[in-house]
PDB file of N, CA and C in Angstrom:
ATOM      1  N   GLN A   1      58.756 115.979  94.796  1.00  0.00           N
ATOM      2  CA  GLN A   1      58.018 115.235  95.820  1.00  0.00           C
ATOM      3  C   GLN A   1      57.412 113.994  95.194  1.00  0.00           C
ATOM      4  N   VAL A   2      57.723 112.853  95.773  1.00  0.00           N
ATOM      5  CA  VAL A   2      57.203 111.592  95.257  1.00  0.00           C
ATOM      6  C   VAL A   2      55.774 111.385  95.743  1.00  0.00           C
ATOM      7  N   GLN A   3      54.926 111.022  94.814  1.00  0.00           N
ATOM      8  CA  GLN A   3      53.537 110.746  95.175  1.00  0.00           C
ATOM      9  C   GLN A   3      53.055 109.492  94.480  1.00  0.00           C
ATOM     10  N   LEU A   4      52.295 108.700  95.198  1.00  0.00           N
ATOM     11  CA  LEU A   4      51.563 107.563  94.638  1.00  0.00           C
ATOM     12  C   LEU A   4      50.092 107.843  94.902  1.00  0.00           C
ATOM     13  N   VAL A   5      49.305 107.856  93.849  1.00  0.00           N
ATOM     14  CA  VAL A   5      47.892 108.188  93.990  1.00  0.00           C
ATOM     15  C   VAL A   5      47.053 107.035  93.461  1.00  0.00           C
ATOM     16  N   GLU A   6      46.286 106.422  94.369  1.00  0.00           N
ATOM     17  CA  GLU A   6      45.408 105.321  93.988  1.00  0.00           C
ATOM     18  C   GLU A   6      44.045 105.853  93.561  1.00  0.00           C
ATOM     19  N   SER A   7      43.398 105.102  92.702  1.00  0.00           N
ATOM     20  CA  SER A   7      42.031 105.420  92.295  1.00  0.00           C
ATOM     21  C   SER A   7      41.348 104.130  91.865  1.00  0.00           C
ATOM     22  N   GLY A   8      40.032 104.206  91.724  1.00  0.00           N
ATOM     23  CA  GLY A   8      39.287 103.057  91.225  1.00  0.00           C
ATOM     24  C   GLY A   8      38.528 102.277  92.276  1.00  0.00           C
ATOM     25  N   GLY A   9      38.683 102.649  93.547  1.00  0.00           N
ATOM     26  CA  GLY A   9      37.931 101.957  94.588  1.00  0.00           C
ATOM     27  C   GLY A   9      36.465 102.323  94.544  1.00  0.00           C
ATOM     28  N   GLY A  10      35.688 101.622  95.343  1.00  0.00           N
ATOM     29  CA  GLY A  10      34.254 101.901  95.379  1.00  0.00           C
ATOM     30  C   GLY A  10      33.488 100.780  96.021  1.00  0.00           C
ATOM     31  N   LEU A  11      32.168 100.844  95.843  1.00  0.00           N
ATOM     32  CA  LEU A  11      31.264  99.840  96.385  1.00  0.00           C
ATOM     33  C   LEU A  11      30.831  98.906  95.267  1.00  0.00           C
ATOM     34  N   VAL A  12      30.948  97.614  95.503  1.00  0.00           N
ATOM     35  CA  VAL A  12      30.580  96.631  94.491  1.00  0.00           C
ATOM     36  C   VAL A  12      29.928  95.439  95.180  1.00  0.00           C
ATOM     37  N   GLN A  13      29.047  94.768  94.474  1.00  0.00           N
ATOM     38  CA  GLN A  13      28.421  93.572  95.021  1.00  0.00           C
ATOM     39  C   GLN A  13      29.358  92.378  94.932  1.00  0.00           C
ATOM     40  N   ALA A  14      29.160  91.421  95.813  1.00  0.00           N
ATOM     41  CA  ALA A  14      29.954  90.194  95.766  1.00  0.00           C
ATOM     42  C   ALA A  14      29.853  89.564  94.380  1.00  0.00           C
ATOM     43  N   GLY A  15      30.984  89.115  93.891  1.00  0.00           N
ATOM     44  CA  GLY A  15      31.057  88.553  92.543  1.00  0.00           C
ATOM     45  C   GLY A  15      31.426  89.554  91.476  1.00  0.00           C
ATOM     46  N   GLY A  16      31.414  90.831  91.846  1.00  0.00           N
ATOM     47  CA  GLY A  16      31.728  91.885  90.890  1.00  0.00           C
ATOM     48  C   GLY A  16      33.207  92.122  90.732  1.00  0.00           C
ATOM     49  N   SER A  17      33.535  93.140  89.957  1.00  0.00           N
ATOM     50  CA  SER A  17      34.929  93.444  89.644  1.00  0.00           C
ATOM     51  C   SER A  17      35.222  94.925  89.840  1.00  0.00           C
ATOM     52  N   LEU A  18      36.473  95.214  90.121  1.00  0.00           N
ATOM     53  CA  LEU A  18      36.986  96.573  90.177  1.00  0.00           C
ATOM     54  C   LEU A  18      38.414  96.564  89.645  1.00  0.00           C
ATOM     55  N   ARG A  19      38.834  97.709  89.127  1.00  0.00           N
ATOM     56  CA  ARG A  19      40.220  97.857  88.685  1.00  0.00           C
ATOM     57  C   ARG A  19      40.824  99.066  89.389  1.00  0.00           C
ATOM     58  N   LEU A  20      41.794  98.793  90.220  1.00  0.00           N
ATOM     59  CA  LEU A  20      42.487  99.871  90.916  1.00  0.00           C
ATOM     60  C   LEU A  20      43.670 100.346  90.076  1.00  0.00           C
ATOM     61  N   SER A  21      43.926 101.632  90.130  1.00  0.00           N
ATOM     62  CA  SER A  21      45.075 102.215  89.455  1.00  0.00           C
ATOM     63  C   SER A  21      45.930 102.953  90.473  1.00  0.00           C
ATOM     64  N   CYS A  22      47.212 103.020  90.193  1.00  0.00           N
ATOM     65  CA  CYS A  22      48.141 103.765  91.036  1.00  0.00           C
ATOM     66  C   CYS A  22      49.071 104.532  90.112  1.00  0.00           C
ATOM     67  N   ALA A  23      48.976 105.840  90.165  1.00  0.00           N
ATOM     68  CA  ALA A  23      49.807 106.694  89.325  1.00  0.00           C
ATOM     69  C   ALA A  23      50.910 107.315  90.170  1.00  0.00           C
ATOM     70  N   ALA A  24      52.135 107.171  89.711  1.00  0.00           N
ATOM     71  CA  ALA A  24      53.281 107.696  90.450  1.00  0.00           C
ATOM     72  C   ALA A  24      53.788 108.976  89.804  1.00  0.00           C
ATOM     73  N   SER A  25      54.285 109.853  90.629  1.00  0.00           N
ATOM     74  CA  SER A  25      54.883 111.085  90.134  1.00  0.00           C
ATOM     75  C   SER A  25      56.049 111.466  91.041  1.00  0.00           C
ATOM     76  N   GLY A  26      56.899 112.320  90.539  1.00  0.00           N
ATOM     77  CA  GLY A  26      58.030 112.773  91.331  1.00  0.00           C
ATOM     78  C   GLY A  26      59.306 111.992  91.090  1.00  0.00           C
ATOM     79  N   ARG A  27      59.193 110.773  90.592  1.00  0.00           N
ATOM     80  CA  ARG A  27      60.332 109.982  90.179  1.00  0.00           C
ATOM     81  C   ARG A  27      59.825 108.829  89.326  1.00  0.00           C
ATOM     82  N   THR A  28      60.742 108.214  88.601  1.00  0.00           N
ATOM     83  CA  THR A  28      60.379 107.079  87.766  1.00  0.00           C
ATOM     84  C   THR A  28      60.512 105.797  88.571  1.00  0.00           C
ATOM     85  N   PHE A  29      59.482 104.944  88.451  1.00  0.00           N
ATOM     86  CA  PHE A  29      59.496 103.677  89.174  1.00  0.00           C
ATOM     87  C   PHE A  29      59.653 102.487  88.231  1.00  0.00           C
ATOM     88  N   SER A  30      60.131 102.738  87.032  1.00  0.00           N
ATOM     89  CA  SER A  30      60.284 101.653  86.064  1.00  0.00           C
ATOM     90  C   SER A  30      61.343 100.638  86.494  1.00  0.00           C
ATOM     91  N   SER A  31      62.196 100.992  87.445  1.00  0.00           N
ATOM     92  CA  SER A  31      63.204 100.071  87.964  1.00  0.00           C
ATOM     93  C   SER A  31      62.901  99.641  89.396  1.00  0.00           C
ATOM     94  N   SER A  32      61.636  99.714  89.760  1.00  0.00           N
ATOM     95  CA  SER A  32      61.244  99.419  91.136  1.00  0.00           C
ATOM     96  C   SER A  32      60.206  98.317  91.207  1.00  0.00           C
ATOM     97  N   VAL A  33      60.328  97.484  92.226  1.00  0.00           N
ATOM     98  CA  VAL A  33      59.243  96.560  92.568  1.00  0.00           C
ATOM     99  C   VAL A  33      58.090  97.389  93.139  1.00  0.00           C
ATOM    100  N   MET A  34      56.885  97.060  92.694  1.00  0.00           N
ATOM    101  CA  MET A  34      55.685  97.741  93.176  1.00  0.00           C
ATOM    102  C   MET A  34      54.772  96.716  93.839  1.00  0.00           C
ATOM    103  N   GLY A  35      53.987  97.183  94.791  1.00  0.00           N
ATOM    104  CA  GLY A  35      53.111  96.260  95.494  1.00  0.00           C
ATOM    105  C   GLY A  35      51.764  96.874  95.825  1.00  0.00           C
ATOM    106  N   TRP A  36      50.827  95.993  96.110  1.00  0.00           N
ATOM    107  CA  TRP A  36      49.514  96.395  96.650  1.00  0.00           C
ATOM    108  C   TRP A  36      49.355  95.723  98.009  1.00  0.00           C
ATOM    109  N   PHE A  37      48.896  96.490  98.969  1.00  0.00           N
ATOM    110  CA  PHE A  37      48.579  96.003 100.302  1.00  0.00           C
ATOM    111  C   PHE A  37      47.162  96.442 100.639  1.00  0.00           C
ATOM    112  N   ARG A  38      46.587  95.832 101.660  1.00  0.00           N
ATOM    113  CA  ARG A  38      45.245  96.243 102.079  1.00  0.00           C
ATOM    114  C   ARG A  38      45.117  96.148 103.587  1.00  0.00           C
ATOM    115  N   GLN A  39      44.211  96.962 104.110  1.00  0.00           N
ATOM    116  CA  GLN A  39      43.953  96.949 105.547  1.00  0.00           C
ATOM    117  C   GLN A  39      42.457  96.993 105.782  1.00  0.00           C
ATOM    118  N   ALA A  40      41.957  95.927 106.373  1.00  0.00           N
ATOM    119  CA  ALA A  40      40.543  95.844 106.731  1.00  0.00           C
ATOM    120  C   ALA A  40      40.350  96.448 108.118  1.00  0.00           C
ATOM    121  N   PRO A  41      39.126  96.878 108.432  1.00  0.00           N
ATOM    122  CA  PRO A  41      38.855  97.474 109.742  1.00  0.00           C
ATOM    123  C   PRO A  41      39.254  96.533 110.870  1.00  0.00           C
ATOM    124  N   GLY A  42      40.014  97.054 111.825  1.00  0.00           N
ATOM    125  CA  GLY A  42      40.403  96.266 112.973  1.00  0.00           C
ATOM    126  C   GLY A  42      41.505  95.259 112.723  1.00  0.00           C
ATOM    127  N   LYS A  43      42.069  95.268 111.525  1.00  0.00           N
ATOM    128  CA  LYS A  43      43.122  94.304 111.185  1.00  0.00           C
ATOM    129  C   LYS A  43      44.392  95.026 110.766  1.00  0.00           C
ATOM    130  N   GLU A  44      45.488  94.285 110.790  1.00  0.00           N
ATOM    131  CA  GLU A  44      46.748  94.838 110.328  1.00  0.00           C
ATOM    132  C   GLU A  44      46.779  94.869 108.799  1.00  0.00           C
ATOM    133  N   ARG A  45      47.619  95.748 108.292  1.00  0.00           N
ATOM    134  CA  ARG A  45      47.780  95.826 106.848  1.00  0.00           C
ATOM    135  C   ARG A  45      48.445  94.536 106.357  1.00  0.00           C
ATOM    136  N   GLU A  46      47.979  94.022 105.205  1.00  0.00           N
ATOM    137  CA  GLU A  46      48.500  92.765 104.692  1.00  0.00           C
ATOM    138  C   GLU A  46      48.877  92.887 103.221  1.00  0.00           C
ATOM    139  N   PHE A  47      49.791  92.035 102.825  1.00  0.00           N
ATOM    140  CA  PHE A  47      50.237  91.972 101.441  1.00  0.00           C
ATOM    141  C   PHE A  47      49.144  91.421 100.547  1.00  0.00           C
ATOM    142  N   VAL A  48      49.018  91.988  99.353  1.00  0.00           N
ATOM    143  CA  VAL A  48      48.063  91.494  98.367  1.00  0.00           C
ATOM    144  C   VAL A  48      48.792  90.974  97.123  1.00  0.00           C
ATOM    145  N   ALA A  49      49.644  91.819  96.547  1.00  0.00           N
ATOM    146  CA  ALA A  49      50.329  91.435  95.310  1.00  0.00           C
ATOM    147  C   ALA A  49      51.559  92.298  95.110  1.00  0.00           C
ATOM    148  N   ALA A  50      52.495  91.776  94.328  1.00  0.00           N
ATOM    149  CA  ALA A  50      53.687  92.542  93.965  1.00  0.00           C
ATOM    150  C   ALA A  50      54.063  92.220  92.527  1.00  0.00           C
ATOM    151  N   ILE A  51      54.766  93.144  91.907  1.00  0.00           N
ATOM    152  CA  ILE A  51      55.188  92.951  90.526  1.00  0.00           C
ATOM    153  C   ILE A  51      56.626  93.423  90.374  1.00  0.00           C
ATOM    154  N   SER A  52      57.382  92.689  89.576  1.00  0.00           N
ATOM    155  CA  SER A  52      58.775  93.053  89.357  1.00  0.00           C
ATOM    156  C   SER A  52      58.879  94.314  88.515  1.00  0.00           C
ATOM    157  N   ALA A  53      60.077  94.874  88.437  1.00  0.00           N
ATOM    158  CA  ALA A  53      60.287  96.115  87.699  1.00  0.00           C
ATOM    159  C   ALA A  53      59.921  95.958  86.226  1.00  0.00           C
ATOM    160  N   SER A  54      60.254  94.815  85.660  1.00  0.00           N
ATOM    161  CA  SER A  54      59.956  94.583  84.243  1.00  0.00           C
ATOM    162  C   SER A  54      58.510  94.179  84.015  1.00  0.00           C
ATOM    163  N   GLY A  55      57.854  93.726  85.059  1.00  0.00           N
ATOM    164  CA  GLY A  55      56.467  93.289  84.934  1.00  0.00           C
ATOM    165  C   GLY A  55      56.298  91.824  84.595  1.00  0.00           C
ATOM    166  N   ASP A  56      57.406  91.094  84.462  1.00  0.00           N
ATOM    167  CA  ASP A  56      57.283  89.702  84.027  1.00  0.00           C
ATOM    168  C   ASP A  56      57.137  88.727  85.183  1.00  0.00           C
ATOM    169  N   THR A  57      57.214  89.227  86.411  1.00  0.00           N
ATOM    170  CA  THR A  57      57.042  88.367  87.586  1.00  0.00           C
ATOM    171  C   THR A  57      56.043  89.004  88.535  1.00  0.00           C
ATOM    172  N   THR A  58      55.092  88.198  88.992  1.00  0.00           N
ATOM    173  CA  THR A  58      54.120  88.666  89.968  1.00  0.00           C
ATOM    174  C   THR A  58      54.031  87.676  91.118  1.00  0.00           C
ATOM    175  N   TRP A  59      53.505  88.157  92.238  1.00  0.00           N
ATOM    176  CA  TRP A  59      53.396  87.339  93.454  1.00  0.00           C
ATOM    177  C   TRP A  59      52.107  87.740  94.122  1.00  0.00           C
ATOM    178  N   TYR A  60      51.292  86.764  94.479  1.00  0.00           N
ATOM    179  CA  TYR A  60      49.979  87.047  95.057  1.00  0.00           C
ATOM    180  C   TYR A  60      49.809  86.361  96.403  1.00  0.00           C
ATOM    181  N   GLU A  61      49.079  87.029  97.249  1.00  0.00           N
ATOM    182  CA  GLU A  61      48.676  86.418  98.500  1.00  0.00           C
ATOM    183  C   GLU A  61      47.700  85.299  98.166  1.00  0.00           C
ATOM    184  N   ASP A  62      47.742  84.211  98.926  1.00  0.00           N
ATOM    185  CA  ASP A  62      46.986  83.016  98.553  1.00  0.00           C
ATOM    186  C   ASP A  62      45.498  83.270  98.346  1.00  0.00           C
ATOM    187  N   SER A  63      44.891  84.102  99.162  1.00  0.00           N
ATOM    188  CA  SER A  63      43.438  84.281  99.092  1.00  0.00           C
ATOM    189  C   SER A  63      42.985  85.035  97.841  1.00  0.00           C
ATOM    190  N   VAL A  64      43.907  85.669  97.124  1.00  0.00           N
ATOM    191  CA  VAL A  64      43.513  86.425  95.929  1.00  0.00           C
ATOM    192  C   VAL A  64      44.013  85.778  94.636  1.00  0.00           C
ATOM    193  N   LYS A  65      44.797  84.721  94.766  1.00  0.00           N
ATOM    194  CA  LYS A  65      45.307  84.042  93.572  1.00  0.00           C
ATOM    195  C   LYS A  65      44.162  83.562  92.690  1.00  0.00           C
ATOM    196  N   GLY A  66      44.287  83.807  91.405  1.00  0.00           N
ATOM    197  CA  GLY A  66      43.256  83.409  90.460  1.00  0.00           C
ATOM    198  C   GLY A  66      42.119  84.402  90.335  1.00  0.00           C
ATOM    199  N   ARG A  67      42.049  85.366  91.245  1.00  0.00           N
ATOM    200  CA  ARG A  67      40.985  86.383  91.184  1.00  0.00           C
ATOM    201  C   ARG A  67      41.546  87.771  90.883  1.00  0.00           C
ATOM    202  N   PHE A  68      42.728  88.072  91.401  1.00  0.00           N
ATOM    203  CA  PHE A  68      43.354  89.389  91.215  1.00  0.00           C
ATOM    204  C   PHE A  68      44.509  89.279  90.234  1.00  0.00           C
ATOM    205  N   THR A  69      44.693  90.326  89.453  1.00  0.00           N
ATOM    206  CA  THR A  69      45.827  90.389  88.527  1.00  0.00           C
ATOM    207  C   THR A  69      46.482  91.755  88.639  1.00  0.00           C
ATOM    208  N   MET A  70      47.767  91.737  88.929  1.00  0.00           N
ATOM    209  CA  MET A  70      48.511  92.985  88.999  1.00  0.00           C
ATOM    210  C   MET A  70      49.297  93.183  87.708  1.00  0.00           C
ATOM    211  N   SER A  71      49.315  94.415  87.224  1.00  0.00           N
ATOM    212  CA  SER A  71      50.064  94.729  86.005  1.00  0.00           C
ATOM    213  C   SER A  71      50.673  96.117  86.142  1.00  0.00           C
ATOM    214  N   ARG A  72      51.516  96.460  85.197  1.00  0.00           N
ATOM    215  CA  ARG A  72      52.129  97.783  85.241  1.00  0.00           C
ATOM    216  C   ARG A  72      52.346  98.303  83.831  1.00  0.00           C
ATOM    217  N   ASP A  73      52.394  99.621  83.717  1.00  0.00           N
ATOM    218  CA  ASP A  73      52.711 100.295  82.461  1.00  0.00           C
ATOM    219  C   ASP A  73      53.811 101.293  82.793  1.00  0.00           C
ATOM    220  N   ASN A  74      55.050 100.910  82.546  1.00  0.00           N
ATOM    221  CA  ASN A  74      56.171 101.768  82.933  1.00  0.00           C
ATOM    222  C   ASN A  74      56.189 103.068  82.139  1.00  0.00           C
ATOM    223  N   ALA A  75      55.639 103.049  80.955  1.00  0.00           N
ATOM    224  CA  ALA A  75      55.573 104.285  80.171  1.00  0.00           C
ATOM    225  C   ALA A  75      54.674 105.319  80.837  1.00  0.00           C
ATOM    226  N   LYS A  76      53.698 104.824  81.586  1.00  0.00           N
ATOM    227  CA  LYS A  76      52.782 105.722  82.302  1.00  0.00           C
ATOM    228  C   LYS A  76      53.117 105.827  83.784  1.00  0.00           C
ATOM    229  N   ASN A  77      54.206 105.147  84.196  1.00  0.00           N
ATOM    230  CA  ASN A  77      54.611 105.180  85.617  1.00  0.00           C
ATOM    231  C   ASN A  77      53.450 104.762  86.520  1.00  0.00           C
ATOM    232  N   SER A  78      52.757 103.702  86.101  1.00  0.00           N
ATOM    233  CA  SER A  78      51.541 103.295  86.795  1.00  0.00           C
ATOM    234  C   SER A  78      51.490 101.786  86.985  1.00  0.00           C
ATOM    235  N   VAL A  79      50.766 101.379  88.025  1.00  0.00           N
ATOM    236  CA  VAL A  79      50.470  99.971  88.243  1.00  0.00           C
ATOM    237  C   VAL A  79      48.972  99.828  88.434  1.00  0.00           C
ATOM    238  N   TYR A  80      48.497  98.605  88.250  1.00  0.00           N
ATOM    239  CA  TYR A  80      47.063  98.342  88.294  1.00  0.00           C
ATOM    240  C   TYR A  80      46.802  97.056  89.075  1.00  0.00           C
ATOM    241  N   LEU A  81      45.585  96.960  89.598  1.00  0.00           N
ATOM    242  CA  LEU A  81      45.153  95.723  90.244  1.00  0.00           C
ATOM    243  C   LEU A  81      43.734  95.443  89.776  1.00  0.00           C
ATOM    244  N   LYS A  82      43.604  94.441  88.917  1.00  0.00           N
ATOM    245  CA  LYS A  82      42.271  94.030  88.467  1.00  0.00           C
ATOM    246  C   LYS A  82      41.762  92.985  89.429  1.00  0.00           C
ATOM    247  N   MET A  83      40.599  93.246  89.999  1.00  0.00           N
ATOM    248  CA  MET A  83      40.033  92.374  91.021  1.00  0.00           C
ATOM    249  C   MET A  83      38.711  91.810  90.511  1.00  0.00           C
ATOM    250  N   ASN A  84      38.669  90.509  90.340  1.00  0.00           N
ATOM    251  CA  ASN A  84      37.461  89.810  89.891  1.00  0.00           C
ATOM    252  C   ASN A  84      36.913  88.938  91.010  1.00  0.00           C
ATOM    253  N   SER A  85      35.675  88.517  90.840  1.00  0.00           N
ATOM    254  CA  SER A  85      35.030  87.613  91.812  1.00  0.00           C
ATOM    255  C   SER A  85      35.223  88.116  93.235  1.00  0.00           C
ATOM    256  N   LEU A  86      34.942  89.375  93.432  1.00  0.00           N
ATOM    257  CA  LEU A  86      35.173  89.987  94.736  1.00  0.00           C
ATOM    258  C   LEU A  86      34.276  89.385  95.808  1.00  0.00           C
ATOM    259  N   LYS A  87      34.820  89.309  97.009  1.00  0.00           N
ATOM    260  CA  LYS A  87      34.119  88.734  98.155  1.00  0.00           C
ATOM    261  C   LYS A  87      34.024  89.785  99.263  1.00  0.00           C
ATOM    262  N   PRO A  88      33.060  89.663 100.148  1.00  0.00           N
ATOM    263  CA  PRO A  88      32.971  90.628 101.254  1.00  0.00           C
ATOM    264  C   PRO A  88      34.266  90.741 102.053  1.00  0.00           C
ATOM    265  N   GLU A  89      34.993  89.649 102.163  1.00  0.00           N
ATOM    266  CA  GLU A  89      36.250  89.683 102.929  1.00  0.00           C
ATOM    267  C   GLU A  89      37.366  90.435 102.211  1.00  0.00           C
ATOM    268  N   ASP A  90      37.137  90.858 100.980  1.00  0.00           N
ATOM    269  CA  ASP A  90      38.093  91.717 100.280  1.00  0.00           C
ATOM    270  C   ASP A  90      37.917  93.189 100.663  1.00  0.00           C
ATOM    271  N   THR A  91      36.873  93.487 101.421  1.00  0.00           N
ATOM    272  CA  THR A  91      36.635  94.860 101.851  1.00  0.00           C
ATOM    273  C   THR A  91      37.804  95.378 102.677  1.00  0.00           C
ATOM    274  N   ALA A  92      38.369  96.495 102.243  1.00  0.00           N
ATOM    275  CA  ALA A  92      39.558  97.056 102.907  1.00  0.00           C
ATOM    276  C   ALA A  92      39.935  98.366 102.223  1.00  0.00           C
ATOM    277  N   VAL A  93      40.850  99.067 102.841  1.00  0.00           N
ATOM    278  CA  VAL A  93      41.531 100.164 102.165  1.00  0.00           C
ATOM    279  C   VAL A  93      42.744  99.561 101.456  1.00  0.00           C
ATOM    280  N   TYR A  94      42.860  99.815 100.166  1.00  0.00           N
ATOM    281  CA  TYR A  94      43.937  99.252  99.356  1.00  0.00           C
ATOM    282  C   TYR A  94      45.005 100.327  99.133  1.00  0.00           C
ATOM    283  N   TYR A  95      46.250  99.943  99.394  1.00  0.00           N
ATOM    284  CA  TYR A  95      47.376 100.854  99.281  1.00  0.00           C
ATOM    285  C   TYR A  95      48.340 100.388  98.190  1.00  0.00           C
ATOM    286  N   CYS A  96      48.802 101.334  97.416  1.00  0.00           N
ATOM    287  CA  CYS A  96      49.870 101.109  96.455  1.00  0.00           C
ATOM    288  C   CYS A  96      51.194 101.453  97.139  1.00  0.00           C
ATOM    289  N   ALA A  97      52.233 100.678  96.852  1.00  0.00           N
ATOM    290  CA  ALA A  97      53.534 100.932  97.467  1.00  0.00           C
ATOM    291  C   ALA A  97      54.646 100.673  96.454  1.00  0.00           C
ATOM    292  N   ALA A  98      55.764 101.347  96.665  1.00  0.00           N
ATOM    293  CA  ALA A  98      56.896 101.186  95.758  1.00  0.00           C
ATOM    294  C   ALA A  98      58.193 101.026  96.546  1.00  0.00           C
ATOM    295  N   LYS A  99      59.015 100.112  96.079  1.00  0.00           N
ATOM    296  CA  LYS A  99      60.359  99.999  96.643  1.00  0.00           C
ATOM    297  C   LYS A  99      61.267 100.956  95.881  1.00  0.00           C
ATOM    298  N   ALA A 100      62.342 101.332  96.508  1.00  0.00           N
ATOM    299  CA  ALA A 100      63.298 102.221  95.848  1.00  0.00           C
ATOM    300  C   ALA A 100      64.199 101.451  94.883  1.00  0.00           C
ATOM    301  N   SER A 101      64.090 100.108  94.872  1.00  0.00           N
ATOM    302  CA  SER A 101      64.966  99.303  94.039  1.00  0.00           C
ATOM    303  C   SER A 101      64.182  98.212  93.322  1.00  0.00           C
ATOM    304  N   ALA A 102      64.903  97.491  92.468  1.00  0.00           N
ATOM    305  CA  ALA A 102      64.318  96.370  91.740  1.00  0.00           C
ATOM    306  C   ALA A 102      64.492  95.051  92.484  1.00  0.00           C
ATOM    307  N   SER A 103      65.030  95.097  93.696  1.00  0.00           N
ATOM    308  CA  SER A 103      65.246  93.870  94.447  1.00  0.00           C
ATOM    309  C   SER A 103      63.929  93.200  94.799  1.00  0.00           C
ATOM    310  N   TRP A 104      63.831  91.917  94.475  1.00  0.00           N
ATOM    311  CA  TRP A 104      62.624  91.159  94.771  1.00  0.00           C
ATOM    312  C   TRP A 104      62.604  90.712  96.228  1.00  0.00           C
ATOM    313  N   TYR A 105      63.708  90.868  96.939  1.00  0.00           N
ATOM    314  CA  TYR A 105      63.795  90.434  98.326  1.00  0.00           C
ATOM    315  C   TYR A 105      62.789  91.194  99.180  1.00  0.00           C
ATOM    316  N   GLY A 106      61.999  90.465  99.946  1.00  0.00           N
ATOM    317  CA  GLY A 106      61.038  91.092 100.835  1.00  0.00           C
ATOM    318  C   GLY A 106      59.872  91.762 100.132  1.00  0.00           C
ATOM    319  N   ALA A 107      59.538  91.287  98.942  1.00  0.00           N
ATOM    320  CA  ALA A 107      58.494  91.943  98.155  1.00  0.00           C
ATOM    321  C   ALA A 107      57.127  91.874  98.814  1.00  0.00           C
ATOM    322  N   LYS A 108      56.910  90.956  99.735  1.00  0.00           N
ATOM    323  CA  LYS A 108      55.626  90.906 100.434  1.00  0.00           C
ATOM    324  C   LYS A 108      55.701  91.523 101.821  1.00  0.00           C
ATOM    325  N   ASP A 109      56.841  92.125 102.141  1.00  0.00           N
ATOM    326  CA  ASP A 109      57.054  92.723 103.459  1.00  0.00           C
ATOM    327  C   ASP A 109      56.887  94.241 103.359  1.00  0.00           C
ATOM    328  N   GLU A 110      55.877  94.766 104.018  1.00  0.00           N
ATOM    329  CA  GLU A 110      55.599  96.202 103.886  1.00  0.00           C
ATOM    330  C   GLU A 110      56.767  97.044 104.373  1.00  0.00           C
ATOM    331  N   ASP A 111      57.567  96.523 105.291  1.00  0.00           N
ATOM    332  CA  ASP A 111      58.710  97.289 105.801  1.00  0.00           C
ATOM    333  C   ASP A 111      59.782  97.499 104.736  1.00  0.00           C
ATOM    334  N   ARG A 112      59.717  96.742 103.639  1.00  0.00           N
ATOM    335  CA  ARG A 112      60.706  96.859 102.565  1.00  0.00           C
ATOM    336  C   ARG A 112      60.309  97.910 101.533  1.00  0.00           C
ATOM    337  N   TYR A 113      59.138  98.504 101.683  1.00  0.00           N
ATOM    338  CA  TYR A 113      58.672  99.493 100.722  1.00  0.00           C
ATOM    339  C   TYR A 113      58.957 100.904 101.219  1.00  0.00           C
ATOM    340  N   ASP A 114      59.312 101.758 100.277  1.00  0.00           N
ATOM    341  CA  ASP A 114      59.783 103.095 100.620  1.00  0.00           C
ATOM    342  C   ASP A 114      58.750 104.195 100.396  1.00  0.00           C
ATOM    343  N   TYR A 115      57.822 103.955  99.515  1.00  0.00           N
ATOM    344  CA  TYR A 115      56.824 104.969  99.176  1.00  0.00           C
ATOM    345  C   TYR A 115      55.433 104.351  99.232  1.00  0.00           C
ATOM    346  N   TRP A 116      54.476 105.145  99.716  1.00  0.00           N
ATOM    347  CA  TRP A 116      53.107 104.667  99.897  1.00  0.00           C
ATOM    348  C   TRP A 116      52.104 105.696  99.398  1.00  0.00           C
ATOM    349  N   GLY A 117      51.006 105.187  98.850  1.00  0.00           N
ATOM    350  CA  GLY A 117      49.884 106.046  98.518  1.00  0.00           C
ATOM    351  C   GLY A 117      48.990 106.256  99.726  1.00  0.00           C
ATOM    352  N   GLN A 118      47.942 107.025  99.527  1.00  0.00           N
ATOM    353  CA  GLN A 118      47.040 107.354 100.632  1.00  0.00           C
ATOM    354  C   GLN A 118      45.944 106.306 100.816  1.00  0.00           C
ATOM    355  N   GLY A 119      45.795 105.442  99.832  1.00  0.00           N
ATOM    356  CA  GLY A 119      44.809 104.374  99.933  1.00  0.00           C
ATOM    357  C   GLY A 119      43.497 104.701  99.244  1.00  0.00           C
ATOM    358  N   THR A 120      42.816 103.654  98.813  1.00  0.00           N
ATOM    359  CA  THR A 120      41.488 103.785  98.219  1.00  0.00           C
ATOM    360  C   THR A 120      40.590 102.708  98.814  1.00  0.00           C
ATOM    361  N   GLN A 121      39.369 103.096  99.162  1.00  0.00           N
ATOM    362  CA  GLN A 121      38.455 102.172  99.848  1.00  0.00           C
ATOM    363  C   GLN A 121      37.775 101.243  98.840  1.00  0.00           C
ATOM    364  N   VAL A 122      37.784  99.973  99.154  1.00  0.00           N
ATOM    365  CA  VAL A 122      37.033  98.973  98.392  1.00  0.00           C
ATOM    366  C   VAL A 122      36.053  98.318  99.356  1.00  0.00           C
ATOM    367  N   THR A 123      34.784  98.376  99.018  1.00  0.00           N
ATOM    368  CA  THR A 123      33.748  97.772  99.847  1.00  0.00           C
ATOM    369  C   THR A 123      32.958  96.783  99.005  1.00  0.00           C
ATOM    370  N   VAL A 124      32.887  95.553  99.468  1.00  0.00           N
ATOM    371  CA  VAL A 124      32.169  94.502  98.753  1.00  0.00           C
ATOM    372  C   VAL A 124      30.969  94.094  99.596  1.00  0.00           C
ATOM    373  N   SER A 125      29.795  94.300  99.062  1.00  0.00           N
ATOM    374  CA  SER A 125      28.572  93.954  99.784  1.00  0.00           C
ATOM    375  C   SER A 125      28.144  92.531  99.454  1.00  0.00           C
ATOM    376  N   SER A 126      27.518  91.887 100.430  1.00  0.00           N
ATOM    377  CA  SER A 126      27.087  90.487 100.240  1.00  0.00           C
ATOM    378  C   SER A 126      25.687  90.417  99.673  1.00  0.00           C
TER     379      SER A 126
END
């Protein structure tokens, strides 16, 4: 059974930092594009970041560029999202997702992802 388990969410003040982790089990994702998405209350889920299978290419949503960094450790079958300079508008449930392939096509499209975690809440207070 494939599982993606996020951790590291919590409550933080504006300007603070958090590091989200996503641990995968049930299969190896070292040959898969991985992504982070988020869903704020009353809004649709949106793309945050994606990383290539090798980890040498990343893609960020414009509002998080320069503040968020996505990385991966294929030896640990895990991906991470370091979030700095957090803003109240970053408040959301953050989801880890994995594609079944290394194809970069549609990396910001949630419909292209095959596996999803349960999400972790990030709340940024002003």
